[in-house]
Amino acid sequence: MVFEPRVGGHIIDRAVSGKESMWATVLDYDPPSHVAFSWNINPSWQIEMDPTKTSEVHVTFTAQDDQRTLVELEHRYLDRHGDGWEAMPDAVGSPNGWNLEPFAKAITAA
């Protein structure tokens, strides 16, 4: 995965074969506290080229102390995806949407 760290940059998956899939555009980049990007994937898991039919993912990082950071993820405007959007929260990891638990476990184990 390639993350272009600037507003207007993209998030691109690059396969071993070299094939690229540009599936997001960076909407806000304000390190170390916030990043937002479009979710250009439709309910059929295809790339959505129409920006009016994409949702937004906002991630906020808040230092709790020297050893801990609160990570908050909000996936906004899912209804923009049109028919079938209601199934998207379950499709990205858990009954309530995104599941960050595997990331927390990996960081704790490091």
C-alpha atoms as a PDB file:
ATOM      1  CA  MET A   1       0.000   0.000   0.000  1.00  0.00           C
ATOM      2  CA  VAL A   2       1.196   3.476  -0.879  1.00  0.00           C
ATOM      3  CA  PHE A   3      -0.015   6.515   1.083  1.00  0.00           C
ATOM      4  CA  GLU A   4       0.752   9.876  -0.506  1.00  0.00           C
ATOM      5  CA  PRO A   5       0.984  12.169   2.563  1.00  0.00           C
ATOM      6  CA  ARG A   6      -0.685  15.349   1.324  1.00  0.00           C
ATOM      7  CA  VAL A   7      -4.150  16.707   0.611  1.00  0.00           C
ATOM      8  CA  GLY A   8      -5.020  15.489  -2.873  1.00  0.00           C
ATOM      9  CA  GLY A   9      -2.666  12.530  -2.556  1.00  0.00           C
ATOM     10  CA  HIS A  10      -3.943   9.002  -2.963  1.00  0.00           C
ATOM     11  CA  ILE A  11      -3.969   5.661  -1.224  1.00  0.00           C
ATOM     12  CA  ILE A  12      -2.959   3.009  -3.704  1.00  0.00           C
ATOM     13  CA  ASP A  13      -2.736  -0.754  -3.368  1.00  0.00           C
ATOM     14  CA  ARG A  14       0.063  -2.184  -5.468  1.00  0.00           C
ATOM     15  CA  ALA A  15      -0.028  -5.913  -6.203  1.00  0.00           C
ATOM     16  CA  VAL A  16       3.036  -8.100  -6.604  1.00  0.00           C
ATOM     17  CA  SER A  17       2.194  -8.167 -10.319  1.00  0.00           C
ATOM     18  CA  GLY A  18       2.547  -4.373 -10.400  1.00  0.00           C
ATOM     19  CA  LYS A  19      -1.159  -3.730 -10.903  1.00  0.00           C
ATOM     20  CA  GLU A  20      -2.288  -0.636  -8.993  1.00  0.00           C
ATOM     21  CA  SER A  21      -5.662   0.166  -7.493  1.00  0.00           C
ATOM     22  CA  MET A  22      -6.177   3.780  -6.397  1.00  0.00           C
ATOM     23  CA  TRP A  23      -8.995   3.480  -3.875  1.00  0.00           C
ATOM     24  CA  ALA A  24      -8.829   6.728  -1.867  1.00  0.00           C
ATOM     25  CA  THR A  25      -7.970  10.415  -2.027  1.00  0.00           C
ATOM     26  CA  VAL A  26      -6.436  12.213   0.956  1.00  0.00           C
ATOM     27  CA  LEU A  27      -8.891  14.909   2.084  1.00  0.00           C
ATOM     28  CA  ASP A  28      -7.042  16.207   5.143  1.00  0.00           C
ATOM     29  CA  TYR A  29      -3.500  15.589   6.339  1.00  0.00           C
ATOM     30  CA  ASP A  30      -2.606  17.201   9.647  1.00  0.00           C
ATOM     31  CA  PRO A  31       0.020  15.074  11.427  1.00  0.00           C
ATOM     32  CA  PRO A  32       0.229  14.013  14.113  1.00  0.00           C
ATOM     33  CA  SER A  33      -3.423  14.556  14.996  1.00  0.00           C
ATOM     34  CA  HIS A  34      -5.685  13.873  12.007  1.00  0.00           C
ATOM     35  CA  VAL A  35      -5.960  12.286   8.593  1.00  0.00           C
ATOM     36  CA  ALA A  36      -9.042  11.946   6.404  1.00  0.00           C
ATOM     37  CA  PHE A  37      -9.521  10.187   3.093  1.00  0.00           C
ATOM     38  CA  SER A  38     -12.308   9.290   0.704  1.00  0.00           C
ATOM     39  CA  TRP A  39     -13.525   5.689   0.566  1.00  0.00           C
ATOM     40  CA  ASN A  40     -13.803   5.093  -3.182  1.00  0.00           C
ATOM     41  CA  ILE A  41     -15.061   1.537  -2.919  1.00  0.00           C
ATOM     42  CA  ASN A  42     -18.683   0.782  -3.715  1.00  0.00           C
ATOM     43  CA  PRO A  43     -20.916  -1.841  -2.035  1.00  0.00           C
ATOM     44  CA  SER A  44     -19.840  -4.355  -4.718  1.00  0.00           C
ATOM     45  CA  TRP A  45     -16.173  -3.812  -3.727  1.00  0.00           C
ATOM     46  CA  GLN A  46     -15.382  -2.062  -7.000  1.00  0.00           C
ATOM     47  CA  ILE A  47     -13.541   1.258  -7.363  1.00  0.00           C
ATOM     48  CA  GLU A  48     -15.991   4.160  -7.454  1.00  0.00           C
ATOM     49  CA  MET A  49     -14.870   6.926  -9.813  1.00  0.00           C
ATOM     50  CA  ASP A  50     -17.699   9.378  -9.004  1.00  0.00           C
ATOM     51  CA  PRO A  51     -16.619  11.423  -5.944  1.00  0.00           C
ATOM     52  CA  THR A  52     -20.268  12.205  -5.117  1.00  0.00           C
ATOM     53  CA  LYS A  53     -20.739   8.480  -4.430  1.00  0.00           C
ATOM     54  CA  THR A  54     -17.839   8.071  -2.000  1.00  0.00           C
ATOM     55  CA  SER A  55     -17.754   8.239   1.787  1.00  0.00           C
ATOM     56  CA  GLU A  56     -15.102   9.695   4.099  1.00  0.00           C
ATOM     57  CA  VAL A  57     -12.887   8.092   6.715  1.00  0.00           C
ATOM     58  CA  HIS A  58     -11.563  10.374   9.464  1.00  0.00           C
ATOM     59  CA  VAL A  59      -8.871   9.172  11.868  1.00  0.00           C
ATOM     60  CA  THR A  60      -7.908  11.263  14.889  1.00  0.00           C
ATOM     61  CA  PHE A  61      -4.892  10.588  17.121  1.00  0.00           C
ATOM     62  CA  THR A  62      -4.888  12.011  20.647  1.00  0.00           C
ATOM     63  CA  ALA A  63      -1.939  11.465  22.982  1.00  0.00           C
ATOM     64  CA  GLN A  64      -3.137  10.116  26.339  1.00  0.00           C
ATOM     65  CA  ASP A  65       0.325  10.042  27.907  1.00  0.00           C
ATOM     66  CA  ASP A  66       3.879   9.200  26.820  1.00  0.00           C
ATOM     67  CA  GLN A  67       2.957   5.573  26.129  1.00  0.00           C
ATOM     68  CA  ARG A  68      -0.639   5.695  24.878  1.00  0.00           C
ATOM     69  CA  THR A  69      -2.510   7.279  22.000  1.00  0.00           C
ATOM     70  CA  LEU A  70      -6.266   7.253  21.535  1.00  0.00           C
ATOM     71  CA  VAL A  71      -7.155   6.424  17.917  1.00  0.00           C
ATOM     72  CA  GLU A  72     -10.667   7.353  16.843  1.00  0.00           C
ATOM     73  CA  LEU A  73     -11.989   6.327  13.444  1.00  0.00           C
ATOM     74  CA  GLU A  74     -15.208   7.679  11.990  1.00  0.00           C
ATOM     75  CA  HIS A  75     -16.580   6.511   8.640  1.00  0.00           C
ATOM     76  CA  ARG A  76     -18.949   9.257   7.448  1.00  0.00           C
ATOM     77  CA  TYR A  77     -21.536   9.550   4.669  1.00  0.00           C
ATOM     78  CA  LEU A  78     -21.908   5.846   3.896  1.00  0.00           C
ATOM     79  CA  ASP A  79     -25.318   6.562   2.390  1.00  0.00           C
ATOM     80  CA  ARG A  80     -23.577   8.334  -0.529  1.00  0.00           C
ATOM     81  CA  HIS A  81     -22.715   4.878  -1.873  1.00  0.00           C
ATOM     82  CA  GLY A  82     -26.334   4.313  -2.885  1.00  0.00           C
ATOM     83  CA  ASP A  83     -28.135   0.989  -2.978  1.00  0.00           C
ATOM     84  CA  GLY A  84     -26.520  -1.571  -0.684  1.00  0.00           C
ATOM     85  CA  TRP A  85     -24.688   0.925   1.534  1.00  0.00           C
ATOM     86  CA  GLU A  86     -26.326  -0.496   4.688  1.00  0.00           C
ATOM     87  CA  ALA A  87     -24.170  -3.647   4.431  1.00  0.00           C
ATOM     88  CA  MET A  88     -20.878  -1.730   4.281  1.00  0.00           C
ATOM     89  CA  PRO A  89     -20.228  -1.382   8.050  1.00  0.00           C
ATOM     90  CA  ASP A  90     -20.360  -5.170   8.461  1.00  0.00           C
ATOM     91  CA  ALA A  91     -18.164  -5.637   5.404  1.00  0.00           C
ATOM     92  CA  VAL A  92     -15.250  -3.650   6.827  1.00  0.00           C
ATOM     93  CA  GLY A  93     -14.682  -5.717   9.909  1.00  0.00           C
ATOM     94  CA  SER A  94     -17.266  -5.899  12.666  1.00  0.00           C
ATOM     95  CA  PRO A  95     -20.968  -5.469  13.442  1.00  0.00           C
ATOM     96  CA  ASN A  96     -20.291  -1.820  14.292  1.00  0.00           C
ATOM     97  CA  GLY A  97     -17.963  -1.108  11.364  1.00  0.00           C
ATOM     98  CA  TRP A  98     -14.197  -0.873  11.438  1.00  0.00           C
ATOM     99  CA  ASN A  99     -12.404  -3.191  13.824  1.00  0.00           C
ATOM    100  CA  LEU A 100      -9.133  -1.703  15.111  1.00  0.00           C
ATOM    101  CA  GLU A 101      -8.535  -4.456  17.686  1.00  0.00           C
ATOM    102  CA  PRO A 102      -5.988  -6.345  15.516  1.00  0.00           C
ATOM    103  CA  PHE A 103      -3.927  -3.155  15.194  1.00  0.00           C
ATOM    104  CA  ALA A 104      -4.051  -2.576  18.957  1.00  0.00           C
ATOM    105  CA  LYS A 105      -2.902  -6.150  19.595  1.00  0.00           C
ATOM    106  CA  ALA A 106      -0.032  -5.829  17.117  1.00  0.00           C
ATOM    107  CA  ILE A 107       1.172  -2.620  18.707  1.00  0.00           C
ATOM    108  CA  THR A 108       0.908  -4.072  22.223  1.00  0.00           C
ATOM    109  CA  ALA A 109       2.924  -7.120  21.174  1.00  0.00           C
ATOM    110  CA  ALA A 110       5.689  -5.022  19.612  1.00  0.00           C
END
